[in-house]
Amino acid sequence: MSAVGDIPATPRRRRLGIRNAAPGGEPPAPAGPGGVAPSTSRARRRLVGRWVPYVLSSPSLLVLAAVIGFPLIFCLVISFQEFGPYQLVTGGPTHWVGFHNYQSLFTGQFVPVLVRTLLFLVGTVGMTLIIGLGMALLMRRAHTWARVTLTVVLVAVWAVPQITASQVFIWIFDPSYGIANWVLSALHLGSYASLSHEQWYNFPVSVLALAGTIVVWGAVPFVAITLFAGLLQIPEDLYEAARVDGAGFVSQLRTITLPLLMPILLLLGVLSTIWDFNAFNQIYVLQQVGGISTETTTFGVWAYNVAFVGGSYGVGGAVTLLGVALLLVVTGAAVRMMVRGATS
């Protein structure tokens, strides 16, 4: 019988990284981590082609391309055309107008709408993250029964439709029988007669403030629950060591909580920016109550008014693409920071 070292090295054995025993009965090369020789591990990795991950993810990529890519391409095409209700219904011929639709936007309401939208974003996204972080810290310190109750309440708030929430706030701030004016009058912050005379829906600032309140009210549950899940992943030993060193709540928040939650905060900030930039229901419902539209229009409402109210779908497509470009610019820095944090 031949020795082990005399077994011929076939092509299959070479592909699998199996080596013959060294002459004299010496053992093969030592195994690496997990009991697998380095050459064998590399050979196993070579058995799975580099194209396999792309093949496995191709169905989801095709679905995303169909759901997201087609509308964007369609908006891009009609944004350079004169596309109205006639072309939409009958499929009639369209006229290529080049950049005329974009030029008409920049000479119209673009700058006021952009400034108003950015201010609205700063208020809503900032308040959502601050209140959501406060709720998450409260849930972490609360007893189990209080935590469960608060979680159920947050989920119930999150489940309320936007139109329903807007109508509830309209009742709360109703000038005649709303509870908001009654509370302010009871706190001697104004007489009920004067508060009823100056309605909340007659001023652009108050309308946008109410719309922002509705947006924050509906977004806080998701942010709070997500941040609470992130807080549970922070070891309690870090806080105990900080307390031993004499660090207070603010120091712990600054040196432990915020740095470890920064990836989650950046992700929530990006999502909130995208959602609030396109906020429509809350603002549109309040506009119908007070009759103020031009001074309270943001990007989401502007796109709807141009395309569906004005019947100019080509210009509406241009507004949509401008919004997408602005969101890419605003969220690009945060996404870059997240990627750098993940790779560092």
C-alpha atoms as a PDB file:
ATOM      1  CA  MET A   1       0.000   0.000   0.000  1.00  0.00           C
ATOM      2  CA  SER A   2       1.374   3.393  -0.892  1.00  0.00           C
ATOM      3  CA  ALA A   3       2.014   6.055   1.729  1.00  0.00           C
ATOM      4  CA  VAL A   4      -0.256   9.051   2.177  1.00  0.00           C
ATOM      5  CA  GLY A   5       2.322  11.312   0.637  1.00  0.00           C
ATOM      6  CA  ASP A   6       2.250   9.230  -2.563  1.00  0.00           C
ATOM      7  CA  ILE A   7      -1.441  10.012  -3.329  1.00  0.00           C
ATOM      8  CA  PRO A   8      -1.468  11.901  -6.635  1.00  0.00           C
ATOM      9  CA  ALA A   9      -2.594  15.515  -6.541  1.00  0.00           C
ATOM     10  CA  THR A  10      -5.575  15.496  -8.885  1.00  0.00           C
ATOM     11  CA  PRO A  11      -7.033  18.761 -10.276  1.00  0.00           C
ATOM     12  CA  ARG A  12     -10.085  18.391  -8.030  1.00  0.00           C
ATOM     13  CA  ARG A  13      -7.897  18.014  -4.936  1.00  0.00           C
ATOM     14  CA  ARG A  14      -5.908  21.072  -5.958  1.00  0.00           C
ATOM     15  CA  ARG A  15      -9.120  23.142  -6.424  1.00  0.00           C
ATOM     16  CA  LEU A  16     -10.274  22.165  -2.940  1.00  0.00           C
ATOM     17  CA  GLY A  17      -6.900  23.051  -1.480  1.00  0.00           C
ATOM     18  CA  ILE A  18      -6.109  19.474  -0.281  1.00  0.00           C
ATOM     19  CA  ARG A  19      -2.416  18.940  -0.023  1.00  0.00           C
ATOM     20  CA  ASN A  20      -0.519  15.683   0.189  1.00  0.00           C
ATOM     21  CA  ALA A  21       1.289  14.847   3.372  1.00  0.00           C
ATOM     22  CA  ALA A  22       4.885  15.899   3.380  1.00  0.00           C
ATOM     23  CA  PRO A  23       7.515  13.190   2.845  1.00  0.00           C
ATOM     24  CA  GLY A  24       8.394  11.308   6.006  1.00  0.00           C
ATOM     25  CA  GLY A  25       4.844  11.407   7.364  1.00  0.00           C
ATOM     26  CA  GLU A  26       4.936  15.084   8.401  1.00  0.00           C
ATOM     27  CA  PRO A  27       1.486  16.595   9.006  1.00  0.00           C
ATOM     28  CA  PRO A  28       0.013  19.117   6.543  1.00  0.00           C
ATOM     29  CA  ALA A  29      -0.005  22.843   7.128  1.00  0.00           C
ATOM     30  CA  PRO A  30      -1.620  23.951  10.389  1.00  0.00           C
ATOM     31  CA  ALA A  31      -5.272  24.857  10.332  1.00  0.00           C
ATOM     32  CA  GLY A  32      -6.407  28.429  10.587  1.00  0.00           C
ATOM     33  CA  PRO A  33      -9.303  29.895  12.631  1.00  0.00           C
ATOM     34  CA  GLY A  34     -12.211  27.472  12.873  1.00  0.00           C
ATOM     35  CA  GLY A  35     -10.024  24.418  12.172  1.00  0.00           C
ATOM     36  CA  VAL A  36      -9.837  25.096   8.405  1.00  0.00           C
ATOM     37  CA  ALA A  37      -6.520  25.397   6.620  1.00  0.00           C
ATOM     38  CA  PRO A  38      -5.985  28.819   4.997  1.00  0.00           C
ATOM     39  CA  SER A  39      -5.676  27.302   1.532  1.00  0.00           C
ATOM     40  CA  THR A  40      -8.879  25.299   2.027  1.00  0.00           C
ATOM     41  CA  SER A  41     -10.741  28.429   3.205  1.00  0.00           C
ATOM     42  CA  ARG A  42      -9.602  30.363   0.152  1.00  0.00           C
ATOM     43  CA  ALA A  43     -10.606  27.487  -2.095  1.00  0.00           C
ATOM     44  CA  ARG A  44     -14.080  27.372  -0.578  1.00  0.00           C
ATOM     45  CA  ARG A  45     -14.486  31.081  -1.143  1.00  0.00           C
ATOM     46  CA  ARG A  46     -13.484  30.593  -4.773  1.00  0.00           C
ATOM     47  CA  LEU A  47     -16.235  27.986  -5.169  1.00  0.00           C
ATOM     48  CA  VAL A  48     -18.815  30.815  -4.663  1.00  0.00           C
ATOM     49  CA  GLY A  49     -18.492  33.119  -7.619  1.00  0.00           C
ATOM     50  CA  ARG A  50     -18.526  36.869  -7.268  1.00  0.00           C
ATOM     51  CA  TRP A  51     -21.681  36.992  -9.364  1.00  0.00           C
ATOM     52  CA  VAL A  52     -23.742  34.971  -6.834  1.00  0.00           C
ATOM     53  CA  PRO A  53     -24.643  37.964  -4.532  1.00  0.00           C
ATOM     54  CA  TYR A  54     -25.789  39.976  -7.543  1.00  0.00           C
ATOM     55  CA  VAL A  55     -27.949  37.111  -8.801  1.00  0.00           C
ATOM     56  CA  LEU A  56     -29.551  36.640  -5.384  1.00  0.00           C
ATOM     57  CA  SER A  57     -30.310  40.362  -5.008  1.00  0.00           C
ATOM     58  CA  SER A  58     -31.457  40.878  -8.597  1.00  0.00           C
ATOM     59  CA  PRO A  59     -35.202  40.250  -7.927  1.00  0.00           C
ATOM     60  CA  SER A  60     -35.388  42.985  -5.291  1.00  0.00           C
ATOM     61  CA  LEU A  61     -33.296  45.313  -7.468  1.00  0.00           C
ATOM     62  CA  LEU A  62     -35.683  44.776 -10.376  1.00  0.00           C
ATOM     63  CA  VAL A  63     -38.687  45.537  -8.160  1.00  0.00           C
ATOM     64  CA  LEU A  64     -37.037  48.745  -6.917  1.00  0.00           C
ATOM     65  CA  ALA A  65     -36.169  49.745 -10.473  1.00  0.00           C
ATOM     66  CA  ALA A  66     -39.787  49.240 -11.536  1.00  0.00           C
ATOM     67  CA  VAL A  67     -41.367  50.977  -8.532  1.00  0.00           C
ATOM     68  CA  ILE A  68     -38.933  53.885  -8.162  1.00  0.00           C
ATOM     69  CA  GLY A  69     -37.044  54.107 -11.423  1.00  0.00           C
ATOM     70  CA  PHE A  70     -39.995  54.230 -13.828  1.00  0.00           C
ATOM     71  CA  PRO A  71     -41.788  57.193 -12.146  1.00  0.00           C
ATOM     72  CA  LEU A  72     -38.537  59.167 -11.993  1.00  0.00           C
ATOM     73  CA  ILE A  73     -37.779  58.509 -15.645  1.00  0.00           C
ATOM     74  CA  PHE A  74     -41.349  59.422 -16.588  1.00  0.00           C
ATOM     75  CA  CYS A  75     -41.105  62.685 -14.608  1.00  0.00           C
ATOM     76  CA  LEU A  76     -37.760  63.424 -16.257  1.00  0.00           C
ATOM     77  CA  VAL A  77     -39.212  62.954 -19.738  1.00  0.00           C
ATOM     78  CA  ILE A  78     -42.376  65.008 -19.240  1.00  0.00           C
ATOM     79  CA  SER A  79     -40.453  67.768 -17.423  1.00  0.00           C
ATOM     80  CA  PHE A  80     -39.034  68.721 -20.848  1.00  0.00           C
ATOM     81  CA  GLN A  81     -42.434  68.565 -22.560  1.00  0.00           C
ATOM     82  CA  GLU A  82     -45.689  70.467 -22.639  1.00  0.00           C
ATOM     83  CA  PHE A  83     -47.724  67.743 -20.964  1.00  0.00           C
ATOM     84  CA  GLY A  84     -51.263  68.559 -19.877  1.00  0.00           C
ATOM     85  CA  PRO A  85     -54.599  66.846 -19.194  1.00  0.00           C
ATOM     86  CA  TYR A  86     -55.191  66.319 -22.939  1.00  0.00           C
ATOM     87  CA  GLN A  87     -51.996  64.306 -23.341  1.00  0.00           C
ATOM     88  CA  LEU A  88     -52.668  62.425 -20.107  1.00  0.00           C
ATOM     89  CA  VAL A  89     -56.192  61.329 -21.042  1.00  0.00           C
ATOM     90  CA  THR A  90     -55.933  60.844 -24.791  1.00  0.00           C
ATOM     91  CA  GLY A  91     -52.252  60.057 -25.163  1.00  0.00           C
ATOM     92  CA  GLY A  92     -52.024  62.810 -27.752  1.00  0.00           C
ATOM     93  CA  PRO A  93     -48.780  64.224 -29.095  1.00  0.00           C
ATOM     94  CA  THR A  94     -46.581  66.252 -26.787  1.00  0.00           C
ATOM     95  CA  HIS A  95     -44.392  69.238 -27.580  1.00  0.00           C
ATOM     96  CA  TRP A  96     -40.749  69.316 -26.560  1.00  0.00           C
ATOM     97  CA  VAL A  97     -40.065  72.599 -24.741  1.00  0.00           C
ATOM     98  CA  GLY A  98     -36.575  71.940 -23.402  1.00  0.00           C
ATOM     99  CA  PHE A  99     -35.759  73.780 -20.172  1.00  0.00           C
ATOM    100  CA  HIS A 100     -38.735  76.128 -20.429  1.00  0.00           C
ATOM    101  CA  ASN A 101     -40.563  74.371 -17.558  1.00  0.00           C
ATOM    102  CA  TYR A 102     -37.553  74.784 -15.272  1.00  0.00           C
ATOM    103  CA  GLN A 103     -37.100  78.415 -16.246  1.00  0.00           C
ATOM    104  CA  SER A 104     -40.726  79.152 -15.407  1.00  0.00           C
ATOM    105  CA  LEU A 105     -40.194  77.688 -11.934  1.00  0.00           C
ATOM    106  CA  PHE A 106     -37.174  79.826 -11.132  1.00  0.00           C
ATOM    107  CA  THR A 107     -38.998  82.970 -12.211  1.00  0.00           C
ATOM    108  CA  GLY A 108     -42.036  82.101 -10.072  1.00  0.00           C
ATOM    109  CA  GLN A 109     -42.442  80.932  -6.468  1.00  0.00           C
ATOM    110  CA  PHE A 110     -39.287  78.810  -6.277  1.00  0.00           C
ATOM    111  CA  VAL A 111     -37.260  80.973  -3.882  1.00  0.00           C
ATOM    112  CA  PRO A 112     -40.088  81.745  -1.374  1.00  0.00           C
ATOM    113  CA  VAL A 113     -41.236  78.114  -1.394  1.00  0.00           C
ATOM    114  CA  LEU A 114     -37.675  76.847  -0.917  1.00  0.00           C
ATOM    115  CA  VAL A 115     -36.964  79.182   2.005  1.00  0.00           C
ATOM    116  CA  ARG A 116     -40.305  78.348   3.617  1.00  0.00           C
ATOM    117  CA  THR A 117     -39.691  74.609   3.190  1.00  0.00           C
ATOM    118  CA  LEU A 118     -36.186  74.771   4.676  1.00  0.00           C
ATOM    119  CA  LEU A 119     -37.430  76.699   7.727  1.00  0.00           C
ATOM    120  CA  PHE A 120     -40.240  74.189   8.108  1.00  0.00           C
ATOM    121  CA  LEU A 121     -37.702  71.347   7.925  1.00  0.00           C
ATOM    122  CA  VAL A 122     -35.433  72.860  10.554  1.00  0.00           C
ATOM    123  CA  GLY A 123     -38.326  73.193  12.989  1.00  0.00           C
ATOM    124  CA  THR A 124     -39.987  69.834  12.438  1.00  0.00           C
ATOM    125  CA  VAL A 125     -36.873  67.653  12.148  1.00  0.00           C
ATOM    126  CA  GLY A 126     -35.176  69.347  15.093  1.00  0.00           C
ATOM    127  CA  MET A 127     -38.200  69.074  17.381  1.00  0.00           C
ATOM    128  CA  THR A 128     -38.852  65.477  16.300  1.00  0.00           C
ATOM    129  CA  LEU A 129     -35.334  64.355  17.204  1.00  0.00           C
ATOM    130  CA  ILE A 130     -35.228  66.302  20.483  1.00  0.00           C
ATOM    131  CA  ILE A 131     -38.636  65.132  21.716  1.00  0.00           C
ATOM    132  CA  GLY A 132     -38.027  61.587  20.458  1.00  0.00           C
ATOM    133  CA  LEU A 133     -34.700  61.401  22.306  1.00  0.00           C
ATOM    134  CA  GLY A 134     -36.330  62.720  25.468  1.00  0.00           C
ATOM    135  CA  MET A 135     -39.092  60.126  25.238  1.00  0.00           C
ATOM    136  CA  ALA A 136     -36.530  57.358  24.684  1.00  0.00           C
ATOM    137  CA  LEU A 137     -34.521  58.433  27.750  1.00  0.00           C
ATOM    138  CA  LEU A 138     -37.736  58.524  29.783  1.00  0.00           C
ATOM    139  CA  MET A 139     -38.666  55.004  28.639  1.00  0.00           C
ATOM    140  CA  ARG A 140     -35.217  53.726  29.612  1.00  0.00           C
ATOM    141  CA  ARG A 141     -35.534  55.043  33.158  1.00  0.00           C
ATOM    142  CA  ALA A 142     -39.214  54.169  33.667  1.00  0.00           C
ATOM    143  CA  HIS A 143     -40.566  51.037  35.335  1.00  0.00           C
ATOM    144  CA  THR A 144     -41.678  48.136  33.201  1.00  0.00           C
ATOM    145  CA  TRP A 145     -45.399  48.862  33.468  1.00  0.00           C
ATOM    146  CA  ALA A 146     -44.897  52.534  32.627  1.00  0.00           C
ATOM    147  CA  ARG A 147     -42.633  51.618  29.705  1.00  0.00           C
ATOM    148  CA  VAL A 148     -45.189  49.207  28.267  1.00  0.00           C
ATOM    149  CA  THR A 149     -47.986  51.759  28.660  1.00  0.00           C
ATOM    150  CA  LEU A 150     -45.941  54.488  27.002  1.00  0.00           C
ATOM    151  CA  THR A 151     -44.991  52.177  24.136  1.00  0.00           C
ATOM    152  CA  VAL A 152     -48.644  51.258  23.521  1.00  0.00           C
ATOM    153  CA  VAL A 153     -49.619  54.945  23.527  1.00  0.00           C
ATOM    154  CA  LEU A 154     -46.835  55.812  21.081  1.00  0.00           C
ATOM    155  CA  VAL A 155     -47.822  53.018  18.727  1.00  0.00           C
ATOM    156  CA  ALA A 156     -51.470  54.154  18.894  1.00  0.00           C
ATOM    157  CA  VAL A 157     -50.439  57.725  18.037  1.00  0.00           C
ATOM    158  CA  TRP A 158     -48.305  56.447  15.184  1.00  0.00           C
ATOM    159  CA  ALA A 159     -51.253  54.484  13.784  1.00  0.00           C
ATOM    160  CA  VAL A 160     -53.539  57.539  13.522  1.00  0.00           C
ATOM    161  CA  PRO A 161     -53.949  58.588   9.853  1.00  0.00           C
ATOM    162  CA  GLN A 162     -52.571  61.994   8.947  1.00  0.00           C
ATOM    163  CA  ILE A 163     -55.927  63.355   7.795  1.00  0.00           C
ATOM    164  CA  THR A 164     -57.576  62.264  11.054  1.00  0.00           C
ATOM    165  CA  ALA A 165     -54.797  63.810  13.130  1.00  0.00           C
ATOM    166  CA  SER A 166     -55.106  67.066  11.195  1.00  0.00           C
ATOM    167  CA  GLN A 167     -58.856  67.178  11.810  1.00  0.00           C
ATOM    168  CA  VAL A 168     -58.342  66.556  15.546  1.00  0.00           C
ATOM    169  CA  PHE A 169     -55.944  69.504  15.762  1.00  0.00           C
ATOM    170  CA  ILE A 170     -58.404  71.644  13.830  1.00  0.00           C
ATOM    171  CA  TRP A 171     -60.978  70.942  16.547  1.00  0.00           C
ATOM    172  CA  ILE A 172     -58.452  71.642  19.305  1.00  0.00           C
ATOM    173  CA  PHE A 173     -57.591  75.075  17.873  1.00  0.00           C
ATOM    174  CA  ASP A 174     -61.070  75.958  16.725  1.00  0.00           C
ATOM    175  CA  PRO A 175     -61.678  79.662  17.541  1.00  0.00           C
ATOM    176  CA  SER A 176     -65.220  79.140  18.841  1.00  0.00           C
ATOM    177  CA  TYR A 177     -65.171  75.944  20.912  1.00  0.00           C
ATOM    178  CA  GLY A 178     -61.544  74.736  20.758  1.00  0.00           C
ATOM    179  CA  ILE A 179     -59.834  73.717  23.967  1.00  0.00           C
ATOM    180  CA  ALA A 180     -56.600  75.560  23.087  1.00  0.00           C
ATOM    181  CA  ASN A 181     -58.164  79.026  23.399  1.00  0.00           C
ATOM    182  CA  TRP A 182     -59.931  77.977  26.599  1.00  0.00           C
ATOM    183  CA  VAL A 183     -56.652  76.834  28.186  1.00  0.00           C
ATOM    184  CA  LEU A 184     -54.832  80.016  27.181  1.00  0.00           C
ATOM    185  CA  SER A 185     -57.664  82.106  28.565  1.00  0.00           C
ATOM    186  CA  ALA A 186     -57.663  80.105  31.832  1.00  0.00           C
ATOM    187  CA  LEU A 187     -53.909  80.721  32.169  1.00  0.00           C
ATOM    188  CA  HIS A 188     -54.536  84.452  31.680  1.00  0.00           C
ATOM    189  CA  LEU A 189     -52.467  84.488  28.480  1.00  0.00           C
ATOM    190  CA  GLY A 190     -55.239  86.345  26.713  1.00  0.00           C
ATOM    191  CA  SER A 191     -58.972  86.810  26.848  1.00  0.00           C
ATOM    192  CA  TYR A 192     -61.169  84.249  25.166  1.00  0.00           C
ATOM    193  CA  ALA A 193     -62.855  86.969  23.095  1.00  0.00           C
ATOM    194  CA  SER A 194     -59.581  88.249  21.645  1.00  0.00           C
ATOM    195  CA  LEU A 195     -58.283  84.718  21.040  1.00  0.00           C
ATOM    196  CA  SER A 196     -61.497  83.788  19.268  1.00  0.00           C
ATOM    197  CA  HIS A 197     -61.336  86.927  17.151  1.00  0.00           C
ATOM    198  CA  GLU A 198     -57.759  86.278  16.004  1.00  0.00           C
ATOM    199  CA  GLN A 199     -58.103  82.798  14.570  1.00  0.00           C
ATOM    200  CA  TRP A 200     -55.157  80.436  14.336  1.00  0.00           C
ATOM    201  CA  TYR A 201     -55.845  79.804  10.662  1.00  0.00           C
ATOM    202  CA  ASN A 202     -55.697  83.436   9.529  1.00  0.00           C
ATOM    203  CA  PHE A 203     -51.917  83.889   9.760  1.00  0.00           C
ATOM    204  CA  PRO A 204     -49.249  82.055   7.735  1.00  0.00           C
ATOM    205  CA  VAL A 205     -46.906  81.603  10.704  1.00  0.00           C
ATOM    206  CA  SER A 206     -49.586  80.042  12.912  1.00  0.00           C
ATOM    207  CA  VAL A 207     -50.797  77.770  10.087  1.00  0.00           C
ATOM    208  CA  LEU A 208     -47.280  76.458   9.435  1.00  0.00           C
ATOM    209  CA  ALA A 209     -46.664  76.138  13.181  1.00  0.00           C
ATOM    210  CA  LEU A 210     -49.825  74.039  13.570  1.00  0.00           C
ATOM    211  CA  ALA A 211     -48.891  71.939  10.538  1.00  0.00           C
ATOM    212  CA  GLY A 212     -45.423  71.405  12.003  1.00  0.00           C
ATOM    213  CA  THR A 213     -46.963  70.400  15.316  1.00  0.00           C
ATOM    214  CA  ILE A 214     -49.072  67.760  13.590  1.00  0.00           C
ATOM    215  CA  VAL A 215     -46.033  66.465  11.696  1.00  0.00           C
ATOM    216  CA  VAL A 216     -43.939  66.234  14.880  1.00  0.00           C
ATOM    217  CA  TRP A 217     -46.804  64.627  16.806  1.00  0.00           C
ATOM    218  CA  GLY A 218     -47.052  61.874  14.219  1.00  0.00           C
ATOM    219  CA  ALA A 219     -43.288  61.354  13.796  1.00  0.00           C
ATOM    220  CA  VAL A 220     -42.168  61.262  17.438  1.00  0.00           C
ATOM    221  CA  PRO A 221     -43.399  57.673  18.137  1.00  0.00           C
ATOM    222  CA  PHE A 222     -41.208  56.121  15.448  1.00  0.00           C
ATOM    223  CA  VAL A 223     -38.169  58.148  16.514  1.00  0.00           C
ATOM    224  CA  ALA A 224     -38.697  57.466  20.229  1.00  0.00           C
ATOM    225  CA  ILE A 225     -39.122  53.698  19.818  1.00  0.00           C
ATOM    226  CA  THR A 226     -36.111  53.473  17.498  1.00  0.00           C
ATOM    227  CA  LEU A 227     -33.877  55.465  19.865  1.00  0.00           C
ATOM    228  CA  PHE A 228     -35.109  53.427  22.821  1.00  0.00           C
ATOM    229  CA  ALA A 229     -34.008  50.261  21.034  1.00  0.00           C
ATOM    230  CA  GLY A 230     -30.625  51.887  20.480  1.00  0.00           C
ATOM    231  CA  LEU A 231     -30.348  52.860  24.153  1.00  0.00           C
ATOM    232  CA  LEU A 232     -30.904  49.250  25.184  1.00  0.00           C
ATOM    233  CA  GLN A 233     -27.737  48.297  23.289  1.00  0.00           C
ATOM    234  CA  ILE A 234     -25.534  50.634  25.351  1.00  0.00           C
ATOM    235  CA  PRO A 235     -23.913  48.700  28.246  1.00  0.00           C
ATOM    236  CA  GLU A 236     -24.972  49.871  31.699  1.00  0.00           C
ATOM    237  CA  ASP A 237     -21.347  49.512  32.831  1.00  0.00           C
ATOM    238  CA  LEU A 238     -20.446  52.646  30.902  1.00  0.00           C
ATOM    239  CA  TYR A 239     -22.956  54.713  32.849  1.00  0.00           C
ATOM    240  CA  GLU A 240     -21.895  53.174  36.156  1.00  0.00           C
ATOM    241  CA  ALA A 241     -18.254  54.003  35.460  1.00  0.00           C
ATOM    242  CA  ALA A 242     -19.225  57.560  34.512  1.00  0.00           C
ATOM    243  CA  ARG A 243     -21.231  57.980  37.730  1.00  0.00           C
ATOM    244  CA  VAL A 244     -18.287  56.700  39.764  1.00  0.00           C
ATOM    245  CA  ASP A 245     -16.115  59.360  38.120  1.00  0.00           C
ATOM    246  CA  GLY A 246     -18.658  61.996  39.149  1.00  0.00           C
ATOM    247  CA  ALA A 247     -20.296  62.575  35.742  1.00  0.00           C
ATOM    248  CA  GLY A 248     -23.823  63.926  35.855  1.00  0.00           C
ATOM    249  CA  PHE A 249     -26.709  63.418  33.478  1.00  0.00           C
ATOM    250  CA  VAL A 250     -25.544  66.060  30.999  1.00  0.00           C
ATOM    251  CA  SER A 251     -21.997  64.690  30.945  1.00  0.00           C
ATOM    252  CA  GLN A 252     -23.262  61.151  30.410  1.00  0.00           C
ATOM    253  CA  LEU A 253     -25.514  62.370  27.613  1.00  0.00           C
ATOM    254  CA  ARG A 254     -22.658  64.232  25.938  1.00  0.00           C
ATOM    255  CA  THR A 255     -19.904  61.627  26.304  1.00  0.00           C
ATOM    256  CA  ILE A 256     -21.781  58.315  26.149  1.00  0.00           C
ATOM    257  CA  THR A 257     -25.352  58.494  24.876  1.00  0.00           C
ATOM    258  CA  LEU A 258     -25.065  60.889  21.950  1.00  0.00           C
ATOM    259  CA  PRO A 259     -21.800  59.481  20.484  1.00  0.00           C
ATOM    260  CA  LEU A 260     -23.103  55.901  20.590  1.00  0.00           C
ATOM    261  CA  LEU A 261     -26.504  56.896  19.205  1.00  0.00           C
ATOM    262  CA  MET A 262     -25.070  59.135  16.475  1.00  0.00           C
ATOM    263  CA  PRO A 263     -25.476  56.592  13.615  1.00  0.00           C
ATOM    264  CA  ILE A 264     -29.133  56.073  14.549  1.00  0.00           C
ATOM    265  CA  LEU A 265     -29.684  59.826  14.957  1.00  0.00           C
ATOM    266  CA  LEU A 266     -28.193  60.490  11.522  1.00  0.00           C
ATOM    267  CA  LEU A 267     -30.395  57.847   9.935  1.00  0.00           C
ATOM    268  CA  LEU A 268     -33.523  59.207  11.640  1.00  0.00           C
ATOM    269  CA  GLY A 269     -32.527  62.726  10.624  1.00  0.00           C
ATOM    270  CA  VAL A 270     -32.265  61.686   6.979  1.00  0.00           C
ATOM    271  CA  LEU A 271     -35.621  59.886   7.048  1.00  0.00           C
ATOM    272  CA  SER A 272     -37.346  62.777   8.839  1.00  0.00           C
ATOM    273  CA  THR A 273     -35.911  65.243   6.329  1.00  0.00           C
ATOM    274  CA  ILE A 274     -37.270  63.234   3.411  1.00  0.00           C
ATOM    275  CA  TRP A 275     -40.694  62.764   5.001  1.00  0.00           C
ATOM    276  CA  ASP A 276     -41.109  66.360   6.195  1.00  0.00           C
ATOM    277  CA  PHE A 277     -39.848  67.828   2.927  1.00  0.00           C
ATOM    278  CA  ASN A 278     -42.719  66.092   1.164  1.00  0.00           C
ATOM    279  CA  ALA A 279     -45.313  66.845   3.856  1.00  0.00           C
ATOM    280  CA  PHE A 280     -48.650  67.457   2.163  1.00  0.00           C
ATOM    281  CA  ASN A 281     -51.719  66.283   4.076  1.00  0.00           C
ATOM    282  CA  GLN A 282     -51.188  68.355   7.207  1.00  0.00           C
ATOM    283  CA  ILE A 283     -50.499  71.618   5.376  1.00  0.00           C
ATOM    284  CA  TYR A 284     -53.164  71.173   2.718  1.00  0.00           C
ATOM    285  CA  VAL A 285     -55.937  70.418   5.229  1.00  0.00           C
ATOM    286  CA  LEU A 286     -55.107  73.516   7.276  1.00  0.00           C
ATOM    287  CA  GLN A 287     -55.004  75.640   4.121  1.00  0.00           C
ATOM    288  CA  GLN A 288     -58.583  74.646   3.325  1.00  0.00           C
ATOM    289  CA  VAL A 289     -59.724  75.788   6.779  1.00  0.00           C
ATOM    290  CA  GLY A 290     -58.088  79.208   6.791  1.00  0.00           C
ATOM    291  CA  GLY A 291     -58.071  79.932   3.103  1.00  0.00           C
ATOM    292  CA  ILE A 292     -54.351  80.799   3.134  1.00  0.00           C
ATOM    293  CA  SER A 293     -52.494  78.984   0.403  1.00  0.00           C
ATOM    294  CA  THR A 294     -49.784  81.089  -1.237  1.00  0.00           C
ATOM    295  CA  GLU A 295     -48.044  82.159   1.985  1.00  0.00           C
ATOM    296  CA  THR A 296     -48.055  78.623   3.468  1.00  0.00           C
ATOM    297  CA  THR A 297     -47.113  76.543   0.432  1.00  0.00           C
ATOM    298  CA  THR A 298     -44.161  74.170   0.811  1.00  0.00           C
ATOM    299  CA  PHE A 299     -42.524  71.982  -1.813  1.00  0.00           C
ATOM    300  CA  GLY A 300     -44.919  69.063  -1.489  1.00  0.00           C
ATOM    301  CA  VAL A 301     -48.010  71.261  -1.746  1.00  0.00           C
ATOM    302  CA  TRP A 302     -46.449  73.294  -4.547  1.00  0.00           C
ATOM    303  CA  ALA A 303     -45.887  70.204  -6.690  1.00  0.00           C
ATOM    304  CA  TYR A 304     -49.534  69.196  -6.209  1.00  0.00           C
ATOM    305  CA  ASN A 305     -50.876  72.664  -7.041  1.00  0.00           C
ATOM    306  CA  VAL A 306     -48.781  72.999 -10.176  1.00  0.00           C
ATOM    307  CA  ALA A 307     -49.475  69.523 -11.555  1.00  0.00           C
ATOM    308  CA  PHE A 308     -53.004  68.610 -10.488  1.00  0.00           C
ATOM    309  CA  VAL A 309     -54.666  71.943  -9.704  1.00  0.00           C
ATOM    310  CA  GLY A 310     -52.998  73.866 -12.513  1.00  0.00           C
ATOM    311  CA  GLY A 311     -53.102  70.928 -14.936  1.00  0.00           C
ATOM    312  CA  SER A 312     -49.485  71.352 -16.019  1.00  0.00           C
ATOM    313  CA  TYR A 313     -47.942  67.932 -15.490  1.00  0.00           C
ATOM    314  CA  GLY A 314     -44.734  68.857 -17.269  1.00  0.00           C
ATOM    315  CA  VAL A 315     -44.050  71.683 -14.841  1.00  0.00           C
ATOM    316  CA  GLY A 316     -45.109  69.397 -11.988  1.00  0.00           C
ATOM    317  CA  GLY A 317     -42.505  66.873 -13.107  1.00  0.00           C
ATOM    318  CA  ALA A 318     -39.895  69.627 -13.049  1.00  0.00           C
ATOM    319  CA  VAL A 319     -40.898  70.533  -9.484  1.00  0.00           C
ATOM    320  CA  THR A 320     -40.627  66.884  -8.467  1.00  0.00           C
ATOM    321  CA  LEU A 321     -37.146  66.503  -9.929  1.00  0.00           C
ATOM    322  CA  LEU A 322     -36.009  69.719  -8.264  1.00  0.00           C
ATOM    323  CA  GLY A 323     -37.253  68.336  -4.959  1.00  0.00           C
ATOM    324  CA  VAL A 324     -35.358  65.088  -5.503  1.00  0.00           C
ATOM    325  CA  ALA A 325     -32.175  67.009  -6.314  1.00  0.00           C
ATOM    326  CA  LEU A 326     -32.513  69.178  -3.218  1.00  0.00           C
ATOM    327  CA  LEU A 327     -33.078  66.130  -1.024  1.00  0.00           C
ATOM    328  CA  LEU A 328     -29.961  64.495  -2.443  1.00  0.00           C
ATOM    329  CA  VAL A 329     -27.944  67.583  -1.561  1.00  0.00           C
ATOM    330  CA  VAL A 330     -29.408  67.966   1.934  1.00  0.00           C
ATOM    331  CA  THR A 331     -29.160  64.291   2.890  1.00  0.00           C
ATOM    332  CA  GLY A 332     -25.895  63.561   1.086  1.00  0.00           C
ATOM    333  CA  ALA A 333     -23.722  64.860   3.920  1.00  0.00           C
ATOM    334  CA  ALA A 334     -25.531  62.763   6.541  1.00  0.00           C
ATOM    335  CA  VAL A 335     -25.338  59.622   4.406  1.00  0.00           C
ATOM    336  CA  ARG A 336     -21.626  60.213   3.875  1.00  0.00           C
ATOM    337  CA  MET A 337     -21.102  60.525   7.618  1.00  0.00           C
ATOM    338  CA  MET A 338     -23.007  57.281   8.212  1.00  0.00           C
ATOM    339  CA  VAL A 339     -20.913  55.432   5.635  1.00  0.00           C
ATOM    340  CA  ARG A 340     -17.686  56.757   7.115  1.00  0.00           C
ATOM    341  CA  GLY A 341     -18.800  55.750  10.599  1.00  0.00           C
ATOM    342  CA  ALA A 342     -19.673  52.249   9.426  1.00  0.00           C
ATOM    343  CA  THR A 343     -16.332  51.719   7.696  1.00  0.00           C
ATOM    344  CA  SER A 344     -14.133  53.231  10.412  1.00  0.00           C
END
